[in-house]
Amino acid sequence: MPAQIVMNTMVPFITADNYLPIDDVMKYYR
């Protein structure tokens, strides 16, 4: 449970930090 929440909390910040396009974010989750 904590791991899932940490992952979901950090991914938006990683996205912004690395200027990832939405397609890359979708690719990550899938």
PDB file of all heavy atoms in Angstrom:
ATOM      1  N   MET A   1       0.813  -1.211   0.000  1.00  0.00           N
ATOM      2  CA  MET A   1       0.000   0.000   0.000  1.00  0.00           C
ATOM      3  C   MET A   1       0.850   1.267   0.000  1.00  0.00           C
ATOM      4  O   MET A   1       0.679   2.145  -0.853  1.00  0.00           O
ATOM      5  CB  MET A   1      -0.962  -0.014   1.178  1.00  0.00           C
ATOM      6  CG  MET A   1      -1.553   1.347   1.544  1.00  0.00           C
ATOM      7  SD  MET A   1      -2.616   2.010   0.255  1.00  0.00           S
ATOM      8  CE  MET A   1      -4.122   1.113   0.625  1.00  0.00           C
ATOM      9  N   PRO A   2       1.791   1.429   0.945  1.00  0.00           N
ATOM     10  CA  PRO A   2       2.647   2.624   0.896  1.00  0.00           C
ATOM     11  C   PRO A   2       3.404   2.746  -0.427  1.00  0.00           C
ATOM     12  O   PRO A   2       3.554   3.845  -0.958  1.00  0.00           O
ATOM     13  CB  PRO A   2       3.606   2.434   2.073  1.00  0.00           C
ATOM     14  CG  PRO A   2       2.926   1.487   2.985  1.00  0.00           C
ATOM     15  CD  PRO A   2       2.071   0.605   2.145  1.00  0.00           C
ATOM     16  N   ALA A   3       3.878   1.619  -0.958  1.00  0.00           N
ATOM     17  CA  ALA A   3       4.614   1.662  -2.222  1.00  0.00           C
ATOM     18  C   ALA A   3       3.734   2.181  -3.353  1.00  0.00           C
ATOM     19  O   ALA A   3       4.172   3.000  -4.172  1.00  0.00           O
ATOM     20  CB  ALA A   3       5.153   0.270  -2.559  1.00  0.00           C
ATOM     21  N   GLN A   4       2.489   1.717  -3.398  1.00  0.00           N
ATOM     22  CA  GLN A   4       1.573   2.174  -4.451  1.00  0.00           C
ATOM     23  C   GLN A   4       1.325   3.673  -4.338  1.00  0.00           C
ATOM     24  O   GLN A   4       1.326   4.398  -5.336  1.00  0.00           O
ATOM     25  CB  GLN A   4       0.243   1.411  -4.332  1.00  0.00           C
ATOM     26  CG  GLN A   4      -0.751   1.697  -5.437  1.00  0.00           C
ATOM     27  CD  GLN A   4      -0.344   1.072  -6.759  1.00  0.00           C
ATOM     28  OE1 GLN A   4       0.321   0.044  -6.773  1.00  0.00           O
ATOM     29  NE2 GLN A   4      -0.723   1.685  -7.848  1.00  0.00           N
ATOM     30  N   ILE A   5       1.135   4.154  -3.131  1.00  0.00           N
ATOM     31  CA  ILE A   5       0.860   5.573  -2.936  1.00  0.00           C
ATOM     32  C   ILE A   5       2.089   6.417  -3.253  1.00  0.00           C
ATOM     33  O   ILE A   5       1.985   7.482  -3.874  1.00  0.00           O
ATOM     34  CB  ILE A   5       0.345   5.824  -1.513  1.00  0.00           C
ATOM     35  CG1 ILE A   5      -1.108   5.342  -1.427  1.00  0.00           C
ATOM     36  CG2 ILE A   5       0.462   7.289  -1.124  1.00  0.00           C
ATOM     37  CD1 ILE A   5      -1.788   5.616  -0.119  1.00  0.00           C
ATOM     38  N   VAL A   6       3.266   5.957  -2.855  1.00  0.00           N
ATOM     39  CA  VAL A   6       4.488   6.698  -3.173  1.00  0.00           C
ATOM     40  C   VAL A   6       4.688   6.773  -4.685  1.00  0.00           C
ATOM     41  O   VAL A   6       5.008   7.837  -5.235  1.00  0.00           O
ATOM     42  CB  VAL A   6       5.711   6.055  -2.491  1.00  0.00           C
ATOM     43  CG1 VAL A   6       7.010   6.618  -3.064  1.00  0.00           C
ATOM     44  CG2 VAL A   6       5.654   6.296  -0.980  1.00  0.00           C
ATOM     45  N   MET A   7       4.499   5.663  -5.375  1.00  0.00           N
ATOM     46  CA  MET A   7       4.639   5.672  -6.829  1.00  0.00           C
ATOM     47  C   MET A   7       3.674   6.669  -7.466  1.00  0.00           C
ATOM     48  O   MET A   7       4.063   7.499  -8.296  1.00  0.00           O
ATOM     49  CB  MET A   7       4.396   4.276  -7.403  1.00  0.00           C
ATOM     50  CG  MET A   7       5.531   3.301  -7.164  1.00  0.00           C
ATOM     51  SD  MET A   7       5.374   1.783  -8.136  1.00  0.00           S
ATOM     52  CE  MET A   7       3.859   1.097  -7.486  1.00  0.00           C
ATOM     53  N   ASN A   8       2.405   6.585  -7.089  1.00  0.00           N
ATOM     54  CA  ASN A   8       1.404   7.461  -7.702  1.00  0.00           C
ATOM     55  C   ASN A   8       1.596   8.917  -7.316  1.00  0.00           C
ATOM     56  O   ASN A   8       1.206   9.821  -8.053  1.00  0.00           O
ATOM     57  CB  ASN A   8       0.001   6.994  -7.314  1.00  0.00           C
ATOM     58  CG  ASN A   8      -0.360   5.680  -7.974  1.00  0.00           C
ATOM     59  OD1 ASN A   8       0.229   5.293  -8.975  1.00  0.00           O
ATOM     60  ND2 ASN A   8      -1.313   4.967  -7.408  1.00  0.00           N
ATOM     61  N   THR A   9       2.191   9.162  -6.141  1.00  0.00           N
ATOM     62  CA  THR A   9       2.480  10.534  -5.727  1.00  0.00           C
ATOM     63  C   THR A   9       3.646  11.117  -6.514  1.00  0.00           C
ATOM     64  O   THR A   9       3.619  12.283  -6.922  1.00  0.00           O
ATOM     65  CB  THR A   9       2.812  10.570  -4.217  1.00  0.00           C
ATOM     66  OG1 THR A   9       1.684  10.101  -3.483  1.00  0.00           O
ATOM     67  CG2 THR A   9       3.145  11.986  -3.776  1.00  0.00           C
ATOM     68  N   MET A  10       4.665  10.300  -6.761  1.00  0.00           N
ATOM     69  CA  MET A  10       5.885  10.807  -7.363  1.00  0.00           C
ATOM     70  C   MET A  10       5.825  10.929  -8.883  1.00  0.00           C
ATOM     71  O   MET A  10       6.505  11.771  -9.466  1.00  0.00           O
ATOM     72  CB  MET A  10       7.070   9.925  -6.969  1.00  0.00           C
ATOM     73  CG  MET A  10       7.424  10.002  -5.489  1.00  0.00           C
ATOM     74  SD  MET A  10       8.961   9.145  -5.080  1.00  0.00           S
ATOM     75  CE  MET A  10      10.174  10.237  -5.843  1.00  0.00           C
ATOM     76  N   VAL A  11       5.018  10.108  -9.536  1.00  0.00           N
ATOM     77  CA  VAL A  11       5.003  10.111 -11.007  1.00  0.00           C
ATOM     78  C   VAL A  11       4.674  11.485 -11.600  1.00  0.00           C
ATOM     79  O   VAL A  11       5.348  11.928 -12.536  1.00  0.00           O
ATOM     80  CB  VAL A  11       4.046   9.031 -11.546  1.00  0.00           C
ATOM     81  CG1 VAL A  11       3.765   9.243 -13.030  1.00  0.00           C
ATOM     82  CG2 VAL A  11       4.657   7.652 -11.325  1.00  0.00           C
ATOM     83  N   PRO A  12       3.676  12.234 -11.097  1.00  0.00           N
ATOM     84  CA  PRO A  12       3.453  13.577 -11.663  1.00  0.00           C
ATOM     85  C   PRO A  12       4.663  14.497 -11.522  1.00  0.00           C
ATOM     86  O   PRO A  12       4.946  15.309 -12.418  1.00  0.00           O
ATOM     87  CB  PRO A  12       2.256  14.100 -10.860  1.00  0.00           C
ATOM     88  CG  PRO A  12       1.560  12.878 -10.379  1.00  0.00           C
ATOM     89  CD  PRO A  12       2.643  11.886 -10.097  1.00  0.00           C
ATOM     90  N   PHE A  13       5.392  14.381 -10.419  1.00  0.00           N
ATOM     91  CA  PHE A  13       6.588  15.205 -10.233  1.00  0.00           C
ATOM     92  C   PHE A  13       7.714  14.757 -11.162  1.00  0.00           C
ATOM     93  O   PHE A  13       8.457  15.584 -11.692  1.00  0.00           O
ATOM     94  CB  PHE A  13       7.050  15.143  -8.773  1.00  0.00           C
ATOM     95  CG  PHE A  13       6.092  15.783  -7.811  1.00  0.00           C
ATOM     96  CD1 PHE A  13       5.168  15.027  -7.112  1.00  0.00           C
ATOM     97  CD2 PHE A  13       6.110  17.160  -7.620  1.00  0.00           C
ATOM     98  CE1 PHE A  13       4.279  15.624  -6.240  1.00  0.00           C
ATOM     99  CE2 PHE A  13       5.223  17.770  -6.735  1.00  0.00           C
ATOM    100  CZ  PHE A  13       4.298  17.001  -6.043  1.00  0.00           C
ATOM    101  N   ILE A  14       7.832  13.450 -11.376  1.00  0.00           N
ATOM    102  CA  ILE A  14       8.819  12.944 -12.325  1.00  0.00           C
ATOM    103  C   ILE A  14       8.478  13.421 -13.732  1.00  0.00           C
ATOM    104  O   ILE A  14       9.359  13.814 -14.504  1.00  0.00           O
ATOM    105  CB  ILE A  14       8.860  11.405 -12.277  1.00  0.00           C
ATOM    106  CG1 ILE A  14       9.370  10.937 -10.915  1.00  0.00           C
ATOM    107  CG2 ILE A  14       9.730  10.845 -13.393  1.00  0.00           C
ATOM    108  CD1 ILE A  14       9.241   9.441 -10.698  1.00  0.00           C
ATOM    109  N   THR A  15       7.197  13.403 -14.058  1.00  0.00           N
ATOM    110  CA  THR A  15       6.745  13.872 -15.374  1.00  0.00           C
ATOM    111  C   THR A  15       7.150  15.317 -15.600  1.00  0.00           C
ATOM    112  O   THR A  15       7.701  15.670 -16.647  1.00  0.00           O
ATOM    113  CB  THR A  15       5.217  13.724 -15.478  1.00  0.00           C
ATOM    114  OG1 THR A  15       4.863  12.355 -15.326  1.00  0.00           O
ATOM    115  CG2 THR A  15       4.716  14.246 -16.803  1.00  0.00           C
ATOM    116  N   ALA A  16       6.884  16.166 -14.600  1.00  0.00           N
ATOM    117  CA  ALA A  16       7.232  17.587 -14.724  1.00  0.00           C
ATOM    118  C   ALA A  16       8.745  17.787 -14.727  1.00  0.00           C
ATOM    119  O   ALA A  16       9.275  18.603 -15.496  1.00  0.00           O
ATOM    120  CB  ALA A  16       6.605  18.374 -13.582  1.00  0.00           C
ATOM    121  N   ASP A  17       9.441  17.030 -13.892  1.00  0.00           N
ATOM    122  CA  ASP A  17      10.888  17.175 -13.757  1.00  0.00           C
ATOM    123  C   ASP A  17      11.613  16.828 -15.053  1.00  0.00           C
ATOM    124  O   ASP A  17      12.665  17.393 -15.374  1.00  0.00           O
ATOM    125  CB  ASP A  17      11.377  16.262 -12.631  1.00  0.00           C
ATOM    126  CG  ASP A  17      12.711  16.702 -12.057  1.00  0.00           C
ATOM    127  OD1 ASP A  17      13.030  17.897 -12.137  1.00  0.00           O
ATOM    128  OD2 ASP A  17      13.432  15.834 -11.530  1.00  0.00           O
ATOM    129  N   ASN A  18      11.048  15.887 -15.817  1.00  0.00           N
ATOM    130  CA  ASN A  18      11.694  15.420 -17.045  1.00  0.00           C
ATOM    131  C   ASN A  18      10.976  15.878 -18.314  1.00  0.00           C
ATOM    132  O   ASN A  18      11.319  15.426 -19.410  1.00  0.00           O
ATOM    133  CB  ASN A  18      11.774  13.891 -17.028  1.00  0.00           C
ATOM    134  CG  ASN A  18      12.678  13.373 -15.934  1.00  0.00           C
ATOM    135  OD1 ASN A  18      13.894  13.349 -16.081  1.00  0.00           O
ATOM    136  ND2 ASN A  18      12.088  12.947 -14.818  1.00  0.00           N
ATOM    137  N   TYR A  19       9.987  16.768 -18.149  1.00  0.00           N
ATOM    138  CA  TYR A  19       9.233  17.317 -19.287  1.00  0.00           C
ATOM    139  C   TYR A  19       8.687  16.200 -20.183  1.00  0.00           C
ATOM    140  O   TYR A  19       8.785  16.253 -21.410  1.00  0.00           O
ATOM    141  CB  TYR A  19      10.120  18.263 -20.099  1.00  0.00           C
ATOM    142  CG  TYR A  19      10.720  19.371 -19.276  1.00  0.00           C
ATOM    143  CD1 TYR A  19      12.043  19.296 -18.843  1.00  0.00           C
ATOM    144  CD2 TYR A  19       9.967  20.469 -18.897  1.00  0.00           C
ATOM    145  CE1 TYR A  19      12.606  20.304 -18.054  1.00  0.00           C
ATOM    146  CE2 TYR A  19      10.521  21.490 -18.119  1.00  0.00           C
ATOM    147  CZ  TYR A  19      11.836  21.390 -17.697  1.00  0.00           C
ATOM    148  OH  TYR A  19      12.387  22.386 -16.925  1.00  0.00           O
ATOM    149  N   LEU A  20       8.096  15.197 -19.558  1.00  0.00           N
ATOM    150  CA  LEU A  20       7.594  14.069 -20.321  1.00  0.00           C
ATOM    151  C   LEU A  20       6.273  14.406 -21.000  1.00  0.00           C
ATOM    152  O   LEU A  20       5.372  14.970 -20.372  1.00  0.00           O
ATOM    153  CB  LEU A  20       7.388  12.867 -19.403  1.00  0.00           C
ATOM    154  CG  LEU A  20       8.624  12.309 -18.690  1.00  0.00           C
ATOM    155  CD1 LEU A  20       8.225  11.127 -17.808  1.00  0.00           C
ATOM    156  CD2 LEU A  20       9.686  11.888 -19.688  1.00  0.00           C
ATOM    157  N   PRO A  21       6.111  14.050 -22.262  1.00  0.00           N
ATOM    158  CA  PRO A  21       4.818  14.251 -22.934  1.00  0.00           C
ATOM    159  C   PRO A  21       3.792  13.254 -22.425  1.00  0.00           C
ATOM    160  O   PRO A  21       4.133  12.214 -21.845  1.00  0.00           O
ATOM    161  CB  PRO A  21       5.150  13.999 -24.416  1.00  0.00           C
ATOM    162  CG  PRO A  21       6.353  13.120 -24.392  1.00  0.00           C
ATOM    163  CD  PRO A  21       7.137  13.506 -23.169  1.00  0.00           C
ATOM    164  N   ILE A  22       2.531  13.550 -22.652  1.00  0.00           N
ATOM    165  CA  ILE A  22       1.459  12.717 -22.121  1.00  0.00           C
ATOM    166  C   ILE A  22       1.543  11.293 -22.635  1.00  0.00           C
ATOM    167  O   ILE A  22       1.212  10.333 -21.926  1.00  0.00           O
ATOM    168  CB  ILE A  22       0.073  13.337 -22.453  1.00  0.00           C
ATOM    169  CG1 ILE A  22      -1.043  12.562 -21.734  1.00  0.00           C
ATOM    170  CG2 ILE A  22      -0.161  13.355 -23.961  1.00  0.00           C
ATOM    171  CD1 ILE A  22      -0.974  12.636 -20.239  1.00  0.00           C
ATOM    172  N   ASP A  23       2.010  11.100 -23.873  1.00  0.00           N
ATOM    173  CA  ASP A  23       2.137   9.745 -24.416  1.00  0.00           C
ATOM    174  C   ASP A  23       3.113   8.907 -23.599  1.00  0.00           C
ATOM    175  O   ASP A  23       2.905   7.709 -23.396  1.00  0.00           O
ATOM    176  CB  ASP A  23       2.593   9.783 -25.881  1.00  0.00           C
ATOM    177  CG  ASP A  23       1.472  10.172 -26.824  1.00  0.00           C
ATOM    178  OD1 ASP A  23       0.311  10.255 -26.365  1.00  0.00           O
ATOM    179  OD2 ASP A  23       1.753  10.392 -28.015  1.00  0.00           O
ATOM    180  N   ASP A  24       4.183   9.540 -23.134  1.00  0.00           N
ATOM    181  CA  ASP A  24       5.156   8.809 -22.317  1.00  0.00           C
ATOM    182  C   ASP A  24       4.573   8.434 -20.955  1.00  0.00           C
ATOM    183  O   ASP A  24       4.885   7.378 -20.400  1.00  0.00           O
ATOM    184  CB  ASP A  24       6.419   9.646 -22.115  1.00  0.00           C
ATOM    185  CG  ASP A  24       7.310   9.662 -23.339  1.00  0.00           C
ATOM    186  OD1 ASP A  24       6.926   9.041 -24.360  1.00  0.00           O
ATOM    187  OD2 ASP A  24       8.378  10.305 -23.309  1.00  0.00           O
ATOM    188  N   VAL A  25       3.732   9.310 -20.421  1.00  0.00           N
ATOM    189  CA  VAL A  25       3.086   9.013 -19.137  1.00  0.00           C
ATOM    190  C   VAL A  25       2.119   7.839 -19.303  1.00  0.00           C
ATOM    191  O   VAL A  25       2.088   6.920 -18.471  1.00  0.00           O
ATOM    192  CB  VAL A  25       2.353  10.257 -18.601  1.00  0.00           C
ATOM    193  CG1 VAL A  25       1.669   9.925 -17.277  1.00  0.00           C
ATOM    194  CG2 VAL A  25       3.321  11.416 -18.429  1.00  0.00           C
ATOM    195  N   MET A  26       1.339   7.859 -20.367  1.00  0.00           N
ATOM    196  CA  MET A  26       0.428   6.739 -20.641  1.00  0.00           C
ATOM    197  C   MET A  26       1.204   5.445 -20.825  1.00  0.00           C
ATOM    198  O   MET A  26       0.813   4.383 -20.327  1.00  0.00           O
ATOM    199  CB  MET A  26      -0.400   7.041 -21.895  1.00  0.00           C
ATOM    200  CG  MET A  26      -1.391   8.184 -21.730  1.00  0.00           C
ATOM    201  SD  MET A  26      -2.199   8.599 -23.301  1.00  0.00           S
ATOM    202  CE  MET A  26      -2.981   7.041 -23.693  1.00  0.00           C
ATOM    203  N   LYS A  27       2.321   5.548 -21.537  1.00  0.00           N
ATOM    204  CA  LYS A  27       3.160   4.371 -21.754  1.00  0.00           C
ATOM    205  C   LYS A  27       3.648   3.818 -20.422  1.00  0.00           C
ATOM    206  O   LYS A  27       3.663   2.601 -20.212  1.00  0.00           O
ATOM    207  CB  LYS A  27       4.348   4.737 -22.642  1.00  0.00           C
ATOM    208  CG  LYS A  27       5.327   3.605 -22.876  1.00  0.00           C
ATOM    209  CD  LYS A  27       6.480   4.056 -23.768  1.00  0.00           C
ATOM    210  CE  LYS A  27       7.497   2.932 -23.961  1.00  0.00           C
ATOM    211  NZ  LYS A  27       8.627   3.360 -24.831  1.00  0.00           N
ATOM    212  N   TYR A  28       4.047   4.704 -19.526  1.00  0.00           N
ATOM    213  CA  TYR A  28       4.552   4.260 -18.231  1.00  0.00           C
ATOM    214  C   TYR A  28       3.498   3.460 -17.475  1.00  0.00           C
ATOM    215  O   TYR A  28       3.763   2.348 -16.999  1.00  0.00           O
ATOM    216  CB  TYR A  28       4.998   5.453 -17.382  1.00  0.00           C
ATOM    217  CG  TYR A  28       5.195   5.065 -15.937  1.00  0.00           C
ATOM    218  CD1 TYR A  28       6.293   4.304 -15.562  1.00  0.00           C
ATOM    219  CD2 TYR A  28       4.248   5.397 -14.960  1.00  0.00           C
ATOM    220  CE1 TYR A  28       6.465   3.885 -14.249  1.00  0.00           C
ATOM    221  CE2 TYR A  28       4.417   4.981 -13.649  1.00  0.00           C
ATOM    222  CZ  TYR A  28       5.523   4.232 -13.299  1.00  0.00           C
ATOM    223  OH  TYR A  28       5.671   3.813 -12.007  1.00  0.00           O
ATOM    224  N   TYR A  29       2.284   4.007 -17.342  1.00  0.00           N
ATOM    225  CA  TYR A  29       1.252   3.325 -16.562  1.00  0.00           C
ATOM    226  C   TYR A  29       0.854   1.988 -17.193  1.00  0.00           C
ATOM    227  O   TYR A  29       0.634   0.992 -16.490  1.00  0.00           O
ATOM    228  CB  TYR A  29       0.030   4.223 -16.410  1.00  0.00           C
ATOM    229  CG  TYR A  29       0.188   5.279 -15.339  1.00  0.00           C
ATOM    230  CD1 TYR A  29       0.266   6.634 -15.657  1.00  0.00           C
ATOM    231  CD2 TYR A  29       0.275   4.918 -14.007  1.00  0.00           C
ATOM    232  CE1 TYR A  29       0.416   7.600 -14.667  1.00  0.00           C
ATOM    233  CE2 TYR A  29       0.427   5.869 -13.003  1.00  0.00           C
ATOM    234  CZ  TYR A  29       0.497   7.215 -13.347  1.00  0.00           C
ATOM    235  OH  TYR A  29       0.651   8.156 -12.364  1.00  0.00           O
ATOM    236  N   ARG A  30       0.773   1.948 -18.505  1.00  0.00           N
ATOM    237  CA  ARG A  30       0.369   0.707 -19.163  1.00  0.00           C
ATOM    238  C   ARG A  30       1.474  -0.343 -19.119  1.00  0.00           C
ATOM    239  O   ARG A  30       1.206  -1.534 -19.000  1.00  0.00           O
ATOM    240  CB  ARG A  30      -0.041   1.017 -20.599  1.00  0.00           C
ATOM    241  CG  ARG A  30      -1.342   1.815 -20.653  1.00  0.00           C
ATOM    242  CD  ARG A  30      -1.722   2.240 -22.039  1.00  0.00           C
ATOM    243  NE  ARG A  30      -3.002   2.948 -22.015  1.00  0.00           N
ATOM    244  CZ  ARG A  30      -3.538   3.547 -23.067  1.00  0.00           C
ATOM    245  NH1 ARG A  30      -2.906   3.544 -24.238  1.00  0.00           N
ATOM    246  NH2 ARG A  30      -4.704   4.162 -22.966  1.00  0.00           N
TER     247      ARG A  30
END
